[in-house]
Each structure stands twice: as C-alpha cells, then as structure tokens.
N, C-alpha and C. Protein backbone atom coordinates (compact mmCIF):
# COMPACT_ATOMS: atom_id res chain seq x y z
N MET A 1 0.84 -1.18 0.00
CA MET A 1 0.00 0.00 0.00
C MET A 1 0.89 1.25 0.00
N TYR A 2 0.53 2.26 -0.74
CA TYR A 2 1.28 3.50 -0.90
C TYR A 2 1.07 4.40 0.31
N ASN A 3 2.20 4.86 0.91
CA ASN A 3 2.12 5.76 2.06
C ASN A 3 2.72 7.11 1.66
N PRO A 4 1.90 8.15 1.50
CA PRO A 4 2.42 9.45 1.06
C PRO A 4 3.37 10.09 2.07
N PHE A 5 3.24 9.73 3.33
CA PHE A 5 4.11 10.31 4.35
C PHE A 5 5.56 9.84 4.21
N GLU A 6 5.76 8.63 3.73
CA GLU A 6 7.12 8.15 3.48
C GLU A 6 7.78 8.97 2.37
N THR A 7 7.03 9.28 1.34
CA THR A 7 7.55 10.10 0.24
C THR A 7 7.90 11.49 0.74
N ILE A 8 7.01 12.06 1.52
CA ILE A 8 7.24 13.41 2.08
C ILE A 8 8.48 13.41 2.96
N ASN A 9 8.59 12.43 3.84
CA ASN A 9 9.77 12.33 4.72
C ASN A 9 11.05 12.17 3.92
N SER A 10 11.02 11.38 2.89
CA SER A 10 12.20 11.17 2.06
C SER A 10 12.60 12.48 1.37
N ARG A 11 11.64 13.17 0.81
CA ARG A 11 11.94 14.44 0.14
C ARG A 11 12.43 15.49 1.13
N LEU A 12 11.85 15.55 2.30
CA LEU A 12 12.30 16.51 3.31
C LEU A 12 13.74 16.21 3.75
N SER A 13 14.07 14.95 3.88
CA SER A 13 15.44 14.58 4.23
C SER A 13 16.41 15.02 3.15
N ASN A 14 16.04 14.83 1.89
CA ASN A 14 16.90 15.27 0.78
C ASN A 14 17.07 16.78 0.80
N ILE A 15 15.98 17.51 1.02
CA ILE A 15 16.05 18.97 1.06
C ILE A 15 16.93 19.42 2.22
N GLU A 16 16.78 18.79 3.37
CA GLU A 16 17.59 19.15 4.54
C GLU A 16 19.08 18.93 4.26
N SER A 17 19.43 17.82 3.67
CA SER A 17 20.85 17.56 3.39
C SER A 17 21.39 18.55 2.35
N LEU A 18 20.59 18.90 1.35
CA LEU A 18 21.02 19.90 0.37
C LEU A 18 21.23 21.27 1.01
N LEU A 19 20.33 21.65 1.89
CA LEU A 19 20.47 22.94 2.58
C LEU A 19 21.71 22.97 3.47
N LEU A 20 21.98 21.88 4.16
CA LEU A 20 23.19 21.81 4.99
C LEU A 20 24.45 21.90 4.14
N ASP A 21 24.45 21.22 2.99
CA ASP A 21 25.60 21.31 2.08
C ASP A 21 25.80 22.73 1.60
N LEU A 22 24.72 23.41 1.23
CA LEU A 22 24.81 24.80 0.79
C LEU A 22 25.32 25.70 1.90
N LYS A 23 24.81 25.49 3.10
CA LYS A 23 25.20 26.33 4.24
C LYS A 23 26.70 26.19 4.50
N HIS A 24 27.19 24.99 4.58
CA HIS A 24 28.61 24.77 4.89
C HIS A 24 29.49 25.22 3.73
N GLY A 25 29.06 25.05 2.52
CA GLY A 25 29.83 25.51 1.37
C GLY A 25 29.93 27.02 1.34
N ASN A 26 28.86 27.73 1.65
CA ASN A 26 28.87 29.19 1.66
C ASN A 26 29.73 29.73 2.78
N GLU A 27 29.77 29.08 3.92
CA GLU A 27 30.62 29.52 5.03
C GLU A 27 32.08 29.46 4.64
N GLN A 28 32.48 28.38 3.96
CA GLN A 28 33.87 28.25 3.56
C GLN A 28 34.24 29.31 2.53
N ILE A 29 33.35 29.60 1.60
CA ILE A 29 33.61 30.64 0.61
C ILE A 29 33.70 31.99 1.28
N ALA A 30 32.79 32.26 2.23
CA ALA A 30 32.77 33.56 2.91
C ALA A 30 34.08 33.79 3.66
N ILE A 31 34.61 32.79 4.31
CA ILE A 31 35.85 32.94 5.07
C ILE A 31 37.02 33.16 4.10
N ALA A 32 37.05 32.44 2.99
CA ALA A 32 38.15 32.57 2.04
C ALA A 32 38.16 33.94 1.38
N ASP A 33 36.99 34.53 1.14
CA ASP A 33 36.89 35.81 0.45
C ASP A 33 36.88 37.00 1.40
N LYS A 34 36.98 36.76 2.67
CA LYS A 34 36.85 37.82 3.65
C LYS A 34 38.02 38.80 3.60
N GLU A 35 37.72 40.10 3.57
CA GLU A 35 38.76 41.13 3.54
C GLU A 35 39.00 41.74 4.92
N HIS A 36 38.01 41.67 5.80
CA HIS A 36 38.14 42.23 7.15
C HIS A 36 37.63 41.20 8.16
N PHE A 37 38.27 41.19 9.31
CA PHE A 37 37.92 40.24 10.37
C PHE A 37 37.57 41.01 11.64
N THR A 38 36.68 40.44 12.45
CA THR A 38 36.45 40.99 13.78
C THR A 38 37.66 40.63 14.63
N LYS A 39 37.75 41.22 15.81
CA LYS A 39 38.88 40.89 16.69
C LYS A 39 38.89 39.41 17.03
N ARG A 40 37.73 38.84 17.26
CA ARG A 40 37.65 37.41 17.61
C ARG A 40 38.11 36.55 16.44
N GLU A 41 37.67 36.89 15.22
CA GLU A 41 38.09 36.13 14.05
C GLU A 41 39.59 36.28 13.81
N ALA A 42 40.11 37.49 14.00
CA ALA A 42 41.55 37.72 13.84
C ALA A 42 42.34 36.90 14.86
N ALA A 43 41.84 36.85 16.09
CA ALA A 43 42.50 36.06 17.13
C ALA A 43 42.51 34.58 16.74
N ALA A 44 41.43 34.10 16.16
CA ALA A 44 41.38 32.70 15.73
C ALA A 44 42.38 32.45 14.59
N GLU A 45 42.48 33.40 13.66
CA GLU A 45 43.42 33.26 12.54
C GLU A 45 44.86 33.24 13.04
N LEU A 46 45.16 34.04 14.05
CA LEU A 46 46.53 34.13 14.57
C LEU A 46 46.78 33.19 15.74
N SER A 47 45.78 32.43 16.12
CA SER A 47 45.89 31.49 17.25
C SER A 47 46.34 32.21 18.51
N CYS A 48 45.69 33.31 18.82
CA CYS A 48 46.01 34.05 20.03
C CYS A 48 44.70 34.54 20.66
N SER A 49 44.80 35.32 21.70
CA SER A 49 43.62 35.81 22.40
C SER A 49 43.20 37.19 21.86
N VAL A 50 41.98 37.58 22.17
CA VAL A 50 41.49 38.91 21.79
C VAL A 50 42.31 40.01 22.46
N PRO A 51 42.67 39.87 23.76
CA PRO A 51 43.54 40.90 24.35
C PRO A 51 44.89 41.03 23.63
N MET A 52 45.41 39.93 23.07
CA MET A 52 46.65 40.00 22.31
C MET A 52 46.42 40.81 21.03
N ILE A 53 45.26 40.66 20.40
CA ILE A 53 44.92 41.46 19.22
C ILE A 53 44.91 42.94 19.60
N ASP A 54 44.30 43.26 20.75
CA ASP A 54 44.30 44.65 21.22
C ASP A 54 45.72 45.17 21.41
N LYS A 55 46.59 44.33 21.97
CA LYS A 55 47.98 44.72 22.21
C LYS A 55 48.72 44.96 20.90
N LEU A 56 48.48 44.09 19.91
CA LEU A 56 49.12 44.25 18.60
C LEU A 56 48.64 45.53 17.92
N ILE A 57 47.37 45.89 18.11
CA ILE A 57 46.85 47.14 17.55
C ILE A 57 47.50 48.32 18.25
N GLN A 58 47.61 48.27 19.58
CA GLN A 58 48.23 49.37 20.34
C GLN A 58 49.69 49.55 19.95
N GLN A 59 50.38 48.46 19.68
CA GLN A 59 51.79 48.53 19.29
C GLN A 59 51.97 48.99 17.85
N GLY A 60 50.87 49.09 17.10
CA GLY A 60 50.96 49.50 15.72
C GLY A 60 51.34 48.38 14.77
N ARG A 61 51.37 47.16 15.26
CA ARG A 61 51.74 46.01 14.43
C ARG A 61 50.57 45.47 13.65
N LEU A 62 49.36 45.90 14.02
CA LEU A 62 48.15 45.43 13.36
C LEU A 62 47.25 46.63 13.12
N ASP A 63 46.80 46.79 11.88
CA ASP A 63 45.92 47.90 11.54
C ASP A 63 44.50 47.58 11.96
N LYS A 64 43.70 48.65 12.11
CA LYS A 64 42.29 48.46 12.41
C LYS A 64 41.47 49.43 11.59
N VAL A 65 40.23 49.07 11.36
CA VAL A 65 39.27 49.92 10.67
C VAL A 65 38.05 49.97 11.57
N LYS A 66 37.61 51.19 11.91
CA LYS A 66 36.42 51.32 12.75
C LYS A 66 35.21 51.56 11.86
N VAL A 67 34.19 50.78 12.08
CA VAL A 67 32.91 50.94 11.39
C VAL A 67 31.88 51.11 12.50
N GLY A 68 31.56 52.38 12.79
CA GLY A 68 30.71 52.65 13.94
C GLY A 68 31.46 52.27 15.20
N ALA A 69 30.84 51.43 16.01
CA ALA A 69 31.49 50.97 17.23
C ALA A 69 32.30 49.69 17.01
N LYS A 70 32.18 49.10 15.84
CA LYS A 70 32.84 47.83 15.54
C LYS A 70 34.26 48.07 15.04
N VAL A 71 35.20 47.27 15.51
CA VAL A 71 36.59 47.33 15.07
C VAL A 71 36.84 46.12 14.17
N LEU A 72 37.32 46.40 12.96
CA LEU A 72 37.63 45.34 12.01
C LEU A 72 39.12 45.36 11.69
N ILE A 73 39.66 44.19 11.44
CA ILE A 73 41.07 44.03 11.15
C ILE A 73 41.20 43.62 9.67
N PRO A 74 41.95 44.41 8.87
CA PRO A 74 42.13 44.04 7.46
C PRO A 74 42.94 42.76 7.31
N ARG A 75 42.61 42.00 6.29
CA ARG A 75 43.30 40.73 6.01
C ARG A 75 44.80 40.95 5.83
N GLU A 76 45.20 42.06 5.20
CA GLU A 76 46.62 42.30 4.95
C GLU A 76 47.43 42.34 6.24
N GLY A 77 46.87 42.91 7.28
CA GLY A 77 47.57 42.98 8.56
C GLY A 77 47.81 41.60 9.15
N ILE A 78 46.80 40.76 9.05
CA ILE A 78 46.93 39.39 9.57
C ILE A 78 47.97 38.63 8.76
N GLU A 79 47.90 38.76 7.43
CA GLU A 79 48.86 38.07 6.58
C GLU A 79 50.28 38.57 6.83
N ARG A 80 50.43 39.88 7.09
CA ARG A 80 51.76 40.44 7.36
C ARG A 80 52.34 39.83 8.63
N ILE A 81 51.53 39.72 9.67
CA ILE A 81 52.02 39.13 10.92
C ILE A 81 52.37 37.67 10.72
N LEU A 82 51.53 36.94 9.97
CA LEU A 82 51.81 35.53 9.75
C LEU A 82 53.06 35.32 8.90
N SER A 83 53.32 36.23 7.96
CA SER A 83 54.49 36.06 7.10
C SER A 83 55.78 36.50 7.78
N ASN A 84 55.67 37.38 8.77
CA ASN A 84 56.83 37.84 9.51
C ASN A 84 57.16 36.79 10.56
N LYS A 85 58.27 36.15 10.43
CA LYS A 85 58.60 35.04 11.33
C LYS A 85 58.54 35.45 12.80
N LYS A 86 59.11 36.60 13.12
CA LYS A 86 59.10 37.08 14.51
C LYS A 86 57.67 37.32 14.96
N GLY A 87 56.86 37.96 14.11
CA GLY A 87 55.48 38.24 14.45
C GLY A 87 54.65 36.98 14.59
N ALA A 88 54.90 36.02 13.69
CA ALA A 88 54.14 34.77 13.76
C ALA A 88 54.45 34.02 15.04
N ASN A 89 55.72 34.00 15.45
CA ASN A 89 56.06 33.33 16.71
C ASN A 89 55.47 34.06 17.89
N TYR A 90 55.44 35.39 17.82
CA TYR A 90 54.92 36.18 18.93
C TYR A 90 53.42 35.99 19.06
N ALA A 91 52.71 35.95 17.91
CA ALA A 91 51.26 35.83 17.94
C ALA A 91 50.84 34.43 18.32
N LYS A 92 51.63 33.44 17.98
CA LYS A 92 51.22 32.06 18.26
C LYS A 92 51.81 31.69 19.57
C-alpha cells in the first residue's frame, strides 16, 4: 500500500541535506573571500587571544578599521604578521 508520508519524509530529508551542504559551502567561501575580520576572528586566525589582538593594535603592528562601534582588522595585517617570522612566533 502506498504511504504518502514516506515520500514526504524522504523528500524533506533530501532537502535538509542539500540545505546543509549549501550552508557549509557558503561559510567556507565567505571565510576565504573575507577582507576584514572581527577581533575574535583575527584572534582565531593568529591562534592568540582577543587581548593580544588589542595589544598588537596598540603597538601598531596590526591595523584596524572602525565601522561605527565595531573594530575590524584588514586581512593584509593578519597576513603580514603571519608572514613575519618574529610576528608569527609572537602571535602564536
């Protein structure tokens, strides 16, 4: 006997898995294309703490961009610290 609820459940499962694939794929693209990071994201990229990010900004080793009350860190600053051997050791 045909059960329409089995078909509905099957289709919903397929839709759910497709949506999850899209969500995770878009997150990876968004991170790769990101030009500015929050302090927390910058800390994760440099494997350090948020207070260390503040210290690097105060020392002038890391640039910042203020957008309203939000502080953003340009990608170039993070890459510069990571490429500088002394800076990379200090941040990690």
